């Protein structure tokens, strides 16, 4: 059986992207994303929510595009995930 490391997340940026460079000269932008999961509790009478945060890394050309974003921007990202 073949498994693929693929994730799609939609949330809000918590921080402005910060630029750095790898030793190879490749630009990297780092930011944090908050994803809120809402669900029903108390037999469906109340709504509760759980917030998860993810560290994002954008490489190369995507890093340059990420610098145009700022905190509180709603963002949908796709890629691989490391834990």
N, C-alpha and C. Protein backbone atom coordinates (compact mmCIF):
# COMPACT_ATOMS: atom_id res chain seq x y z
N UNK A 1 0.84 -1.17 0.00
CA UNK A 1 0.00 0.00 0.00
C UNK A 1 0.89 1.24 0.00
N UNK A 2 0.57 2.22 -0.83
CA UNK A 2 1.34 3.43 -0.95
C UNK A 2 0.66 4.58 -0.22
N UNK A 3 1.42 5.29 0.62
CA UNK A 3 0.90 6.43 1.34
C UNK A 3 1.58 7.70 0.85
N UNK A 4 0.84 8.79 0.86
CA UNK A 4 1.37 10.07 0.41
C UNK A 4 1.29 11.08 1.55
N UNK A 5 2.33 11.87 1.71
CA UNK A 5 2.36 12.91 2.73
C UNK A 5 1.82 14.19 2.10
N UNK A 6 0.52 14.42 2.22
CA UNK A 6 -0.14 15.58 1.61
C UNK A 6 -1.14 16.14 2.61
N UNK A 7 -1.15 17.46 2.76
CA UNK A 7 -2.09 18.10 3.67
C UNK A 7 -2.61 19.38 3.03
N UNK A 8 -3.85 19.72 3.34
CA UNK A 8 -4.47 20.96 2.88
C UNK A 8 -5.06 21.64 4.11
N UNK A 9 -4.62 22.88 4.40
CA UNK A 9 -5.06 23.59 5.60
C UNK A 9 -5.62 24.96 5.23
N UNK A 10 -6.66 25.36 5.93
CA UNK A 10 -7.24 26.68 5.72
C UNK A 10 -7.34 27.33 7.10
N UNK A 11 -6.75 28.53 7.23
CA UNK A 11 -6.78 29.20 8.51
C UNK A 11 -6.32 30.63 8.38
N UNK A 12 -5.93 31.22 9.50
CA UNK A 12 -5.47 32.61 9.54
C UNK A 12 -4.02 32.65 10.01
N UNK A 13 -3.23 33.51 9.35
CA UNK A 13 -1.84 33.68 9.77
C UNK A 13 -1.80 34.37 11.13
N UNK A 14 -0.98 33.84 12.02
CA UNK A 14 -0.81 34.45 13.34
C UNK A 14 0.32 35.48 13.33
N UNK A 15 1.27 35.31 12.42
CA UNK A 15 2.43 36.19 12.36
C UNK A 15 2.70 36.62 10.93
N UNK A 16 3.39 37.74 10.78
CA UNK A 16 3.88 38.13 9.46
C UNK A 16 4.99 37.14 9.08
N UNK A 17 5.09 36.76 7.82
CA UNK A 17 6.19 35.88 7.41
C UNK A 17 7.54 36.55 7.63
N UNK A 18 8.51 35.76 8.09
CA UNK A 18 9.87 36.25 8.31
C UNK A 18 10.80 35.57 7.32
N UNK A 19 11.62 36.35 6.66
CA UNK A 19 12.51 35.85 5.63
C UNK A 19 13.87 35.47 6.20
N UNK A 20 14.43 34.39 5.70
CA UNK A 20 15.80 33.98 5.99
C UNK A 20 16.34 33.30 4.75
N UNK A 21 17.58 32.88 4.79
CA UNK A 21 18.20 32.22 3.65
C UNK A 21 18.92 30.97 4.09
N UNK A 22 18.78 29.89 3.31
CA UNK A 22 19.54 28.68 3.58
C UNK A 22 20.99 28.91 3.18
N UNK A 23 21.89 28.04 3.61
CA UNK A 23 23.31 28.18 3.26
C UNK A 23 23.52 28.09 1.75
N UNK A 24 22.57 27.50 1.04
CA UNK A 24 22.65 27.40 -0.42
C UNK A 24 22.18 28.67 -1.12
N UNK A 25 21.65 29.62 -0.34
CA UNK A 25 21.14 30.87 -0.91
C UNK A 25 19.65 30.84 -1.19
N UNK A 26 18.98 29.71 -0.96
CA UNK A 26 17.54 29.60 -1.19
C UNK A 26 16.77 30.40 -0.15
N UNK A 27 15.89 31.30 -0.58
CA UNK A 27 15.09 32.06 0.40
C UNK A 27 14.02 31.19 1.04
N UNK A 28 13.79 31.44 2.34
CA UNK A 28 12.78 30.71 3.10
C UNK A 28 11.99 31.73 3.92
N UNK A 29 10.68 31.65 3.86
CA UNK A 29 9.81 32.50 4.69
C UNK A 29 9.08 31.60 5.69
N UNK A 30 9.13 31.96 6.96
CA UNK A 30 8.46 31.21 8.01
C UNK A 30 7.31 32.02 8.59
N UNK A 31 6.20 31.34 8.90
CA UNK A 31 5.03 31.98 9.51
C UNK A 31 4.27 30.92 10.31
N UNK A 32 3.28 31.35 11.07
CA UNK A 32 2.43 30.43 11.84
C UNK A 32 0.98 30.58 11.39
N UNK A 33 0.29 29.44 11.29
CA UNK A 33 -1.10 29.39 10.83
C UNK A 33 -1.98 28.83 11.94
N UNK A 34 -3.11 29.48 12.21
CA UNK A 34 -4.09 28.97 13.18
C UNK A 34 -5.28 28.40 12.41
N UNK A 35 -5.66 27.17 12.76
CA UNK A 35 -6.80 26.49 12.15
C UNK A 35 -7.80 26.18 13.26
N UNK A 36 -9.04 26.63 13.08
CA UNK A 36 -10.08 26.44 14.10
C UNK A 36 -11.02 25.34 13.66
N UNK A 37 -11.26 24.38 14.57
CA UNK A 37 -12.20 23.28 14.33
C UNK A 37 -13.39 23.49 15.25
N UNK A 38 -14.57 23.63 14.67
CA UNK A 38 -15.79 23.84 15.46
C UNK A 38 -16.61 22.55 15.46
N UNK A 39 -17.18 22.22 16.63
CA UNK A 39 -17.96 20.99 16.74
C UNK A 39 -19.06 21.17 17.79
N UNK A 40 -20.09 20.33 17.68
CA UNK A 40 -21.24 20.39 18.58
C UNK A 40 -20.97 19.59 19.85
N UNK A 41 -21.42 20.12 21.00
CA UNK A 41 -21.33 19.44 22.29
C UNK A 41 -22.68 19.54 22.99
N UNK A 42 -22.83 18.87 24.10
CA UNK A 42 -24.08 18.88 24.88
C UNK A 42 -25.27 18.48 24.01
N UNK A 43 -25.15 17.34 23.36
CA UNK A 43 -26.22 16.80 22.52
C UNK A 43 -26.61 17.76 21.40
N UNK A 44 -25.61 18.51 20.90
CA UNK A 44 -25.85 19.40 19.77
C UNK A 44 -26.38 20.77 20.12
N UNK A 45 -26.43 21.08 21.43
CA UNK A 45 -26.99 22.37 21.85
C UNK A 45 -25.97 23.51 21.89
N UNK A 46 -24.71 23.17 21.98
CA UNK A 46 -23.66 24.19 22.07
C UNK A 46 -22.57 23.90 21.04
N UNK A 47 -21.87 24.96 20.67
CA UNK A 47 -20.75 24.83 19.75
C UNK A 47 -19.46 25.10 20.52
N UNK A 48 -18.52 24.20 20.39
CA UNK A 48 -17.22 24.38 21.00
C UNK A 48 -16.19 24.45 19.88
N UNK A 49 -15.01 24.96 20.18
CA UNK A 49 -13.99 25.02 19.14
C UNK A 49 -12.61 24.72 19.72
N UNK A 50 -11.76 24.19 18.85
CA UNK A 50 -10.39 23.86 19.20
C UNK A 50 -9.50 24.50 18.14
N UNK A 51 -8.47 25.22 18.57
CA UNK A 51 -7.55 25.86 17.65
C UNK A 51 -6.23 25.11 17.64
N UNK A 52 -5.76 24.77 16.44
CA UNK A 52 -4.45 24.14 16.26
C UNK A 52 -3.56 25.12 15.51
N UNK A 53 -2.28 25.13 15.85
CA UNK A 53 -1.35 26.01 15.16
C UNK A 53 -0.30 25.19 14.42
N UNK A 54 0.13 25.70 13.28
CA UNK A 54 1.10 25.02 12.43
C UNK A 54 2.19 26.01 12.03
N UNK A 55 3.43 25.55 12.05
CA UNK A 55 4.55 26.34 11.55
C UNK A 55 4.65 26.10 10.05
N UNK A 56 4.69 27.17 9.28
CA UNK A 56 4.77 27.07 7.82
C UNK A 56 6.16 27.48 7.35
N UNK A 57 6.64 26.83 6.29
CA UNK A 57 7.89 27.21 5.64
C UNK A 57 7.64 27.26 4.14
N UNK A 58 7.89 28.42 3.56
CA UNK A 58 7.76 28.62 2.11
C UNK A 58 9.16 28.74 1.53
N UNK A 59 9.43 28.00 0.45
CA UNK A 59 10.77 27.98 -0.14
C UNK A 59 10.78 28.63 -1.52
N UNK A 60 11.94 29.22 -1.85
CA UNK A 60 12.15 29.74 -3.20
C UNK A 60 11.18 30.83 -3.59
N UNK A 61 10.58 30.67 -4.77
CA UNK A 61 9.65 31.68 -5.30
C UNK A 61 8.44 31.87 -4.38
N UNK A 62 7.97 30.78 -3.77
CA UNK A 62 6.83 30.89 -2.86
C UNK A 62 7.19 31.73 -1.63
N UNK A 63 8.45 31.70 -1.20
CA UNK A 63 8.89 32.51 -0.06
C UNK A 63 8.75 33.99 -0.40
N UNK A 64 9.12 34.35 -1.63
CA UNK A 64 9.02 35.75 -2.04
C UNK A 64 7.55 36.19 -2.09
N UNK A 65 6.66 35.32 -2.54
CA UNK A 65 5.23 35.63 -2.59
C UNK A 65 4.65 35.73 -1.18
N UNK A 66 5.14 34.88 -0.26
CA UNK A 66 4.63 34.87 1.11
C UNK A 66 4.92 36.18 1.83
N UNK A 67 5.98 36.87 1.44
CA UNK A 67 6.33 38.14 2.09
C UNK A 67 5.26 39.21 1.87
N UNK A 68 4.39 39.03 0.89
CA UNK A 68 3.31 39.99 0.63
C UNK A 68 2.14 39.79 1.60
N UNK A 69 2.16 38.69 2.36
CA UNK A 69 1.09 38.39 3.32
C UNK A 69 1.41 39.03 4.65
N UNK A 70 0.38 39.17 5.48
CA UNK A 70 0.61 39.66 6.84
C UNK A 70 -0.28 38.91 7.82
N UNK A 71 -0.04 39.15 9.10
CA UNK A 71 -0.82 38.49 10.14
C UNK A 71 -2.31 38.75 9.92
N UNK A 72 -3.13 37.79 10.26
CA UNK A 72 -4.60 37.82 10.15
C UNK A 72 -5.10 37.56 8.73
N UNK A 73 -4.21 37.31 7.79
CA UNK A 73 -4.62 36.97 6.43
C UNK A 73 -5.21 35.57 6.44
N UNK A 74 -6.36 35.40 5.79
CA UNK A 74 -6.95 34.08 5.63
C UNK A 74 -6.18 33.38 4.52
N UNK A 75 -5.73 32.15 4.78
CA UNK A 75 -4.82 31.48 3.86
C UNK A 75 -5.18 30.01 3.73
N UNK A 76 -5.09 29.50 2.53
CA UNK A 76 -5.25 28.08 2.24
C UNK A 76 -3.92 27.60 1.70
N UNK A 77 -3.31 26.64 2.39
CA UNK A 77 -2.01 26.10 1.97
C UNK A 77 -2.12 24.61 1.72
N UNK A 78 -1.32 24.13 0.79
CA UNK A 78 -1.24 22.70 0.47
C UNK A 78 0.22 22.31 0.43
N UNK A 79 0.53 21.12 0.90
CA UNK A 79 1.90 20.64 0.87
C UNK A 79 2.08 19.42 1.74
N UNK A 80 3.31 19.18 2.15
CA UNK A 80 3.61 18.05 3.02
C UNK A 80 3.71 18.54 4.45
N UNK A 81 3.61 17.60 5.40
CA UNK A 81 3.62 17.98 6.81
C UNK A 81 4.69 17.16 7.54
N UNK A 82 5.37 17.81 8.48
CA UNK A 82 6.33 17.15 9.36
C UNK A 82 5.87 17.36 10.79
N UNK A 83 5.99 16.32 11.61
CA UNK A 83 5.62 16.46 13.03
C UNK A 83 6.79 16.11 13.90
